[in-house]
Amino acid sequence: MREITLGTTGITVKQNAFGALPVQRADKDTAVAILRRAYEGGMRFFDTARAYSDSEEKLGAAFAGMREKVYIASKTMAKTPEEFWSQLETTLKNLQTDYLDLYQFHCVPQCFRPGDGTGLYECMLEAKAQGKIRHIGVSAHNIIVAMECVQSGLYETMQFPFSYLSSDKEIALVKACKEANMGYIAMKGLAGGLINNSTAAMAYISQFDNVLPIWGIQKMSELEEWLAFMDETPEYTPGIAAFVQKERSELAGDFCRGCGYCMPCPAEIKINTCARMSLMVRRAPSAGWLSEEMQKEMMKIEDCLHCNQCSSKCPYELNTPELLQKNLEDYKKILAGEITVSYTKD
């Protein structure tokens, strides 16, 4: 397994890192066991966020007494300096540490800069001066905002979705980060569950020597799959390339990535789930997709106000109301047995 250095941060780790959003869904003992096994297996970079409920607390419990042996990154969605400092103190307390290796603005609506009137970037600088954070990063879903952050020269790392379903614009972002010597942290390497071939996913990303993928993990079985790649990176062979091309032809384009940038919905539709249901029941089969609770969520699509707020906020410029309706029609056919789908029990 190759090592990846995150730009000017000097953070160098094996090319497989841990995305800790999903561990909020595991009980504490299970989460701690998974995190410690990840460390034993060679993972050293762990990414969490204040918004991930108790994820930070679980990392704190897992790595208490061994803080210097791992790199920990977290994020803030603060909108004011007061919120920034409150969230940072909570994060440090949860993680049982007095510093973060990397602190990121989370899902940014703009490129925060000194003097922009928000005071937020100034907070980052002050936190760094106090030794509470060591490096300043940003996470985004909007490609235009992300590119602006790269060009600003203000950030040491960029976290953005990246997988073999990524568009040319997203590949250009990876290359722009490399040219700027800015670390690139790849989230959603499995496209939110739409990619179900881990070997192909790993082989594709390994072509980019400046990209550190953080794999979302909530089960030990998922972790072991990624640990198997720690010592031997899958090669991007002609066969895998052909498979990826077939996947891209079937999936790239007008599908919901599940980023949630369109939320909240005035009609309380879970857009980032419902607008991709047709694909999820086929590619990430689970009895939960057809549960009574999920059926109720899908039927909310009939109450769509067609206000187009979701479309206006979509970083992929999707016609979201139309996509929701298509998914609902498909879902109804699945429930009626007109379309057969095999799924596993949760």
Protein backbone atom coordinates (compact mmCIF):
# COMPACT_ATOMS: atom_id res chain seq x y z
CA MET A 1 0.00 0.00 0.00
CA ARG A 2 1.36 3.38 -0.97
CA GLU A 3 1.52 6.30 1.38
CA ILE A 4 -0.28 9.59 0.78
CA THR A 5 0.86 12.99 2.02
CA LEU A 6 -1.87 15.59 2.47
CA GLY A 7 -0.33 18.56 0.73
CA THR A 8 1.62 20.95 2.94
CA THR A 9 0.31 19.44 6.19
CA GLY A 10 3.04 16.84 6.34
CA ILE A 11 0.42 14.27 7.35
CA THR A 12 1.55 11.06 5.69
CA VAL A 13 -0.42 7.85 6.06
CA LYS A 14 -1.14 4.63 4.24
CA GLN A 15 -3.63 5.05 1.40
CA ASN A 16 -6.74 3.99 3.30
CA ALA A 17 -8.35 6.09 5.99
CA PHE A 18 -11.41 5.87 8.22
CA GLY A 19 -14.59 7.89 7.67
CA ALA A 20 -16.36 7.93 11.03
CA LEU A 21 -19.80 9.15 10.02
CA PRO A 22 -21.31 5.62 9.98
CA VAL A 23 -20.01 4.59 13.44
CA GLN A 24 -22.64 6.86 14.96
CA ARG A 25 -25.06 4.08 14.00
CA ALA A 26 -23.13 1.41 15.92
CA ASP A 27 -23.31 0.98 19.69
CA LYS A 28 -20.33 2.33 21.62
CA ASP A 29 -18.60 -0.99 22.35
CA THR A 30 -18.89 -2.07 18.72
CA ALA A 31 -17.67 1.30 17.45
CA VAL A 32 -14.66 1.30 19.77
CA ALA A 33 -13.76 -2.26 18.74
CA ILE A 34 -13.98 -1.30 15.04
CA LEU A 35 -11.86 1.82 15.51
CA ARG A 36 -9.17 -0.03 17.44
CA ARG A 37 -9.11 -2.82 14.87
CA ALA A 38 -8.69 -0.17 12.17
CA TYR A 39 -5.62 1.11 14.00
CA GLU A 40 -4.24 -2.41 14.42
CA GLY A 41 -4.77 -2.97 10.71
CA GLY A 42 -2.70 0.06 9.77
CA MET A 43 -5.17 2.92 9.46
CA ARG A 44 -3.90 6.14 11.02
CA PHE A 45 -6.19 8.93 9.73
CA PHE A 46 -9.68 9.20 11.21
CA ASP A 47 -12.23 11.76 10.02
CA THR A 48 -15.29 12.80 12.02
CA ALA A 49 -17.44 15.92 12.55
CA ARG A 50 -19.40 17.74 15.21
CA ALA A 51 -22.51 17.01 13.11
CA TYR A 52 -22.03 13.23 13.36
CA SER A 53 -23.92 12.88 16.67
CA ASP A 54 -21.72 10.75 19.01
CA SER A 55 -19.04 9.82 16.48
CA GLU A 56 -16.47 12.09 18.15
CA GLU A 57 -17.15 10.54 21.56
CA LYS A 58 -16.55 7.06 20.16
CA LEU A 59 -13.23 8.11 18.66
CA GLY A 60 -12.28 9.68 21.98
CA ALA A 61 -13.01 6.45 23.82
CA ALA A 62 -11.14 4.35 21.25
CA PHE A 63 -7.94 6.39 21.24
CA ALA A 64 -7.69 7.61 24.82
CA GLY A 65 -4.08 7.28 25.95
CA MET A 66 -2.71 6.93 22.42
CA ARG A 67 -3.53 10.31 20.92
CA GLU A 68 -0.11 10.87 19.34
CA LYS A 69 -0.36 7.61 17.41
CA VAL A 70 -3.24 8.73 15.18
CA TYR A 71 -4.30 11.71 13.09
CA ILE A 72 -7.77 13.00 13.92
CA ALA A 73 -9.75 15.40 11.75
CA SER A 74 -13.08 16.95 12.63
CA LYS A 75 -15.37 19.59 11.16
CA THR A 76 -17.59 22.50 12.15
CA MET A 77 -20.73 23.89 10.53
CA ALA A 78 -20.58 27.03 12.71
CA LYS A 79 -22.17 30.14 11.25
CA THR A 80 -20.82 32.58 13.84
CA PRO A 81 -17.58 32.92 15.83
CA GLU A 82 -19.51 32.07 19.01
CA GLU A 83 -20.70 28.81 17.47
CA PHE A 84 -17.19 28.11 16.19
CA TRP A 85 -15.59 28.26 19.64
CA SER A 86 -18.43 26.37 21.29
CA GLN A 87 -18.27 23.56 18.75
CA LEU A 88 -14.48 23.36 18.88
CA GLU A 89 -14.46 23.04 22.67
CA THR A 90 -17.16 20.36 22.51
CA THR A 91 -15.20 18.48 19.85
CA LEU A 92 -11.98 18.55 21.87
CA LYS A 93 -13.82 17.36 24.97
CA ASN A 94 -15.54 14.54 23.07
CA LEU A 95 -12.27 13.40 21.51
CA GLN A 96 -10.46 13.57 24.86
CA THR A 97 -7.69 15.68 23.36
CA ASP A 98 -6.37 19.22 23.47
CA TYR A 99 -5.74 19.52 19.73
CA LEU A 100 -6.94 18.43 16.30
CA ASP A 101 -4.57 17.51 13.51
CA LEU A 102 -7.02 18.97 11.01
CA TYR A 103 -10.10 21.15 11.50
CA GLN A 104 -12.39 21.68 8.52
CA PHE A 105 -15.25 23.97 7.66
CA HIS A 106 -18.04 21.48 6.97
CA CYS A 107 -20.12 21.48 3.76
CA VAL A 108 -19.34 25.11 3.06
CA PRO A 109 -21.83 27.40 1.26
CA GLN A 110 -18.97 29.77 0.39
CA CYS A 111 -15.22 30.13 0.51
CA PHE A 112 -14.62 31.63 3.95
CA ARG A 113 -11.87 34.26 3.83
CA PRO A 114 -10.30 36.79 6.20
CA GLY A 115 -12.34 39.97 6.15
CA ASP A 116 -15.47 38.42 4.59
CA GLY A 117 -17.60 39.64 7.49
CA THR A 118 -18.28 36.23 9.04
CA GLY A 119 -15.19 36.19 11.24
CA LEU A 120 -14.96 32.42 10.77
CA TYR A 121 -11.62 32.18 9.01
CA GLU A 122 -10.15 34.47 11.66
CA CYS A 123 -11.38 31.93 14.23
CA MET A 124 -9.45 29.18 12.45
CA LEU A 125 -6.29 31.27 12.53
CA GLU A 126 -6.72 32.02 16.23
CA ALA A 127 -7.41 28.37 17.07
CA LYS A 128 -4.24 27.43 15.19
CA ALA A 129 -2.26 30.11 17.05
CA GLN A 130 -3.55 28.67 20.34
CA GLY A 131 -2.41 25.18 19.35
CA LYS A 132 -5.94 23.77 19.38
CA ILE A 133 -5.75 22.89 15.69
CA ARG A 134 -2.71 22.16 13.56
CA HIS A 135 -4.06 22.49 10.04
CA ILE A 136 -7.01 24.22 8.35
CA GLY A 137 -9.18 22.40 5.82
CA VAL A 138 -12.56 22.56 4.14
CA SER A 139 -15.20 20.09 2.99
CA ALA A 140 -17.63 20.86 0.18
CA HIS A 141 -20.20 19.39 -2.16
CA ASN A 142 -20.53 22.32 -4.55
CA ILE A 143 -17.85 22.09 -7.22
CA ILE A 144 -17.76 25.84 -7.87
CA VAL A 145 -17.27 26.67 -4.18
CA ALA A 146 -14.70 23.88 -3.86
CA MET A 147 -12.64 25.20 -6.75
CA GLU A 148 -12.80 28.70 -5.29
CA CYS A 149 -11.42 27.34 -2.01
CA VAL A 150 -8.54 25.70 -3.86
CA GLN A 151 -7.73 28.86 -5.78
CA SER A 152 -7.87 30.98 -2.61
CA GLY A 153 -4.72 29.38 -1.21
CA LEU A 154 -6.26 29.60 2.26
CA TYR A 155 -6.76 25.90 2.94
CA GLU A 156 -4.37 23.01 3.37
CA THR A 157 -6.86 20.25 2.52
CA MET A 158 -10.01 19.78 0.46
CA GLN A 159 -12.59 17.09 1.27
CA PHE A 160 -14.92 16.36 -1.63
CA PRO A 161 -16.82 13.35 -3.04
CA PHE A 162 -14.68 11.28 -5.39
CA SER A 163 -15.22 7.86 -6.91
CA TYR A 164 -15.10 6.16 -10.29
CA LEU A 165 -18.47 7.78 -11.00
CA SER A 166 -17.01 11.27 -10.65
CA SER A 167 -17.32 13.72 -13.52
CA ASP A 168 -14.56 15.46 -15.44
CA LYS A 169 -15.12 18.54 -13.25
CA GLU A 170 -14.40 16.51 -10.12
CA ILE A 171 -11.29 14.99 -11.67
CA ALA A 172 -10.19 18.53 -12.52
CA LEU A 173 -10.62 19.45 -8.85
CA VAL A 174 -8.28 16.60 -7.85
CA LYS A 175 -5.71 17.82 -10.33
CA ALA A 176 -6.09 21.45 -9.18
CA CYS A 177 -5.41 20.35 -5.60
CA LYS A 178 -2.28 18.52 -6.69
CA GLU A 179 -1.01 21.57 -8.57
CA ALA A 180 -1.68 23.73 -5.50
CA ASN A 181 0.00 21.17 -3.19
CA MET A 182 -3.29 20.93 -1.32
CA GLY A 183 -4.27 17.63 0.29
CA TYR A 184 -7.34 15.89 -1.17
CA ILE A 185 -9.53 13.79 1.13
CA ALA A 186 -11.98 11.71 -0.88
CA MET A 187 -15.35 11.11 0.74
CA LYS A 188 -18.13 8.97 -0.73
CA GLY A 189 -15.70 6.68 -2.51
CA LEU A 190 -18.59 4.23 -2.89
CA ALA A 191 -20.93 6.99 -4.13
CA GLY A 192 -23.11 6.70 -1.07
CA GLY A 193 -23.69 2.97 -1.56
CA LEU A 194 -24.22 2.89 -5.34
CA ILE A 195 -20.80 1.31 -5.90
CA ASN A 196 -20.65 -2.25 -4.64
CA ASN A 197 -17.27 -3.37 -5.99
CA SER A 198 -14.63 -2.36 -3.44
CA THR A 199 -11.74 -3.67 -5.53
CA ALA A 200 -12.69 -1.49 -8.48
CA ALA A 201 -13.32 1.48 -6.20
CA MET A 202 -9.90 1.13 -4.58
CA ALA A 203 -8.08 0.49 -7.85
CA TYR A 204 -9.60 3.58 -9.46
CA ILE A 205 -8.76 5.97 -6.63
CA SER A 206 -5.23 4.57 -6.31
CA GLN A 207 -4.42 6.11 -9.70
CA PHE A 208 -4.41 9.54 -8.03
CA ASP A 209 -1.33 9.81 -5.81
CA ASN A 210 -2.58 12.90 -3.94
CA VAL A 211 -5.95 11.44 -2.92
CA LEU A 212 -6.59 9.95 0.52
CA PRO A 213 -9.89 8.03 0.55
CA ILE A 214 -11.86 7.88 3.79
CA TRP A 215 -14.11 4.84 3.71
CA GLY A 216 -17.34 5.06 5.69
CA ILE A 217 -17.35 2.06 8.04
CA GLN A 218 -19.90 0.82 10.58
CA LYS A 219 -19.37 -2.95 10.54
CA MET A 220 -16.30 -5.06 11.25
CA SER A 221 -16.86 -6.97 8.01
CA GLU A 222 -16.69 -3.70 6.04
CA LEU A 223 -13.49 -2.74 7.81
CA GLU A 224 -11.78 -6.03 7.07
CA GLU A 225 -12.52 -5.55 3.39
CA TRP A 226 -10.55 -2.29 3.37
CA LEU A 227 -7.78 -3.60 5.61
CA ALA A 228 -7.19 -6.33 3.05
CA PHE A 229 -6.00 -3.56 0.71
CA MET A 230 -3.54 -2.02 3.18
CA ASP A 231 -0.51 -3.99 2.03
CA GLU A 232 -1.44 -4.63 -1.58
CA THR A 233 -3.30 -2.02 -3.64
CA PRO A 234 -5.56 -3.49 -6.34
CA GLU A 235 -4.14 -2.67 -9.77
CA TYR A 236 -6.26 -0.69 -12.22
CA THR A 237 -6.19 -3.39 -14.88
CA PRO A 238 -7.80 -3.23 -18.33
CA GLY A 239 -10.49 -5.53 -16.99
CA ILE A 240 -11.32 -3.23 -14.09
CA ALA A 241 -11.16 -0.22 -16.41
CA ALA A 242 -13.73 -1.86 -18.68
CA PHE A 243 -15.94 -2.61 -15.69
CA VAL A 244 -15.69 1.01 -14.50
CA GLN A 245 -16.55 2.30 -17.96
CA LYS A 246 -19.66 0.12 -18.01
CA GLU A 247 -20.66 1.38 -14.56
CA ARG A 248 -20.12 4.99 -15.60
CA SER A 249 -22.26 4.54 -18.71
CA GLU A 250 -25.08 3.14 -16.57
CA LEU A 251 -24.84 5.48 -13.58
CA ALA A 252 -23.00 8.69 -14.41
CA GLY A 253 -25.22 11.68 -15.06
CA ASP A 254 -28.67 12.32 -13.65
CA PHE A 255 -28.65 10.42 -10.38
CA CYS A 256 -28.74 11.70 -6.82
CA ARG A 257 -25.41 11.41 -5.00
CA GLY A 258 -27.12 11.65 -1.60
CA CYS A 259 -25.08 14.66 -0.48
CA GLY A 260 -28.07 16.33 1.19
CA TYR A 261 -27.14 19.79 -0.07
CA CYS A 262 -30.78 20.24 -1.17
CA MET A 263 -32.15 19.78 2.34
CA PRO A 264 -34.30 20.62 4.22
CA CYS A 265 -37.39 20.11 2.09
CA PRO A 266 -40.52 22.23 2.83
CA ALA A 267 -42.63 19.10 2.25
CA GLU A 268 -40.36 17.11 4.62
CA ILE A 269 -39.29 14.72 1.86
CA LYS A 270 -36.00 12.92 2.58
CA ILE A 271 -34.71 13.91 -0.81
CA ASN A 272 -31.21 12.51 -0.40
CA THR A 273 -32.73 9.05 0.15
CA CYS A 274 -35.93 9.15 -1.88
CA ALA A 275 -34.39 10.60 -5.04
CA ARG A 276 -32.04 7.63 -5.33
CA MET A 277 -34.30 4.82 -4.11
CA SER A 278 -34.59 3.07 -7.47
CA LEU A 279 -30.83 2.59 -7.59
CA MET A 280 -30.45 1.77 -3.91
CA VAL A 281 -32.90 -1.14 -3.92
CA ARG A 282 -30.92 -2.65 -6.80
CA ARG A 283 -27.34 -1.83 -5.87
CA ALA A 284 -27.45 -1.77 -2.06
CA PRO A 285 -30.24 -4.25 -1.39
CA SER A 286 -31.77 -4.11 2.07
CA ALA A 287 -35.15 -5.02 3.51
CA GLY A 288 -35.16 -1.56 5.10
CA TRP A 289 -35.77 0.10 1.75
CA LEU A 290 -39.16 -1.64 1.52
CA SER A 291 -40.19 -1.24 5.17
CA GLU A 292 -43.46 0.39 6.18
CA GLU A 293 -41.54 3.40 7.46
CA MET A 294 -39.69 3.86 4.17
CA GLN A 295 -42.91 3.43 2.20
CA LYS A 296 -44.37 6.36 4.14
CA GLU A 297 -41.29 8.43 3.36
CA MET A 298 -41.51 7.64 -0.32
CA MET A 299 -45.20 8.53 -0.48
CA LYS A 300 -44.36 12.03 0.75
CA ILE A 301 -43.12 12.62 -2.78
CA GLU A 302 -46.79 12.94 -3.77
CA ASP A 303 -46.88 16.07 -1.60
CA CYS A 304 -44.02 17.75 -3.47
CA LEU A 305 -44.68 21.48 -3.69
CA HIS A 306 -42.63 21.86 -6.88
CA CYS A 307 -41.05 24.91 -5.30
CA ASN A 308 -37.73 23.89 -6.95
CA GLN A 309 -35.71 24.90 -3.89
CA CYS A 310 -34.00 21.51 -4.09
CA SER A 311 -33.02 21.98 -7.74
CA SER A 312 -31.67 25.46 -7.10
CA LYS A 313 -29.41 24.12 -4.34
CA CYS A 314 -28.28 20.92 -6.09
CA PRO A 315 -24.53 21.08 -6.84
CA TYR A 316 -25.09 18.63 -9.69
CA GLU A 317 -27.87 20.76 -11.26
CA LEU A 318 -30.41 17.93 -11.19
CA ASN A 319 -34.11 18.33 -11.88
CA THR A 320 -34.85 16.97 -8.44
CA PRO A 321 -38.69 17.04 -8.50
CA GLU A 322 -38.65 15.08 -11.74
CA LEU A 323 -36.11 12.64 -10.31
CA LEU A 324 -38.23 12.15 -7.19
CA GLN A 325 -41.30 11.38 -9.29
CA LYS A 326 -39.45 8.83 -11.40
CA ASN A 327 -38.18 7.09 -8.26
CA LEU A 328 -41.67 7.01 -6.77
CA GLU A 329 -43.14 5.44 -9.91
CA ASP A 330 -40.41 2.81 -9.92
CA TYR A 331 -40.85 2.18 -6.19
CA LYS A 332 -44.59 1.59 -6.60
CA LYS A 333 -43.88 -1.00 -9.31
CA ILE A 334 -41.45 -2.78 -6.98
CA LEU A 335 -44.05 -2.86 -4.19
CA ALA A 336 -46.67 -4.17 -6.63
CA GLY A 337 -44.35 -6.94 -7.78
CA GLU A 338 -44.14 -5.59 -11.31
CA ILE A 339 -40.38 -5.27 -10.84
CA THR A 340 -38.57 -8.02 -8.95
CA VAL A 341 -35.75 -7.03 -6.62
CA SER A 342 -33.71 -9.39 -4.45
CA TYR A 343 -32.71 -7.96 -1.11
CA THR A 344 -31.14 -9.08 2.13
CA LYS A 345 -32.61 -8.81 5.60
CA ASP A 346 -30.94 -6.19 7.84
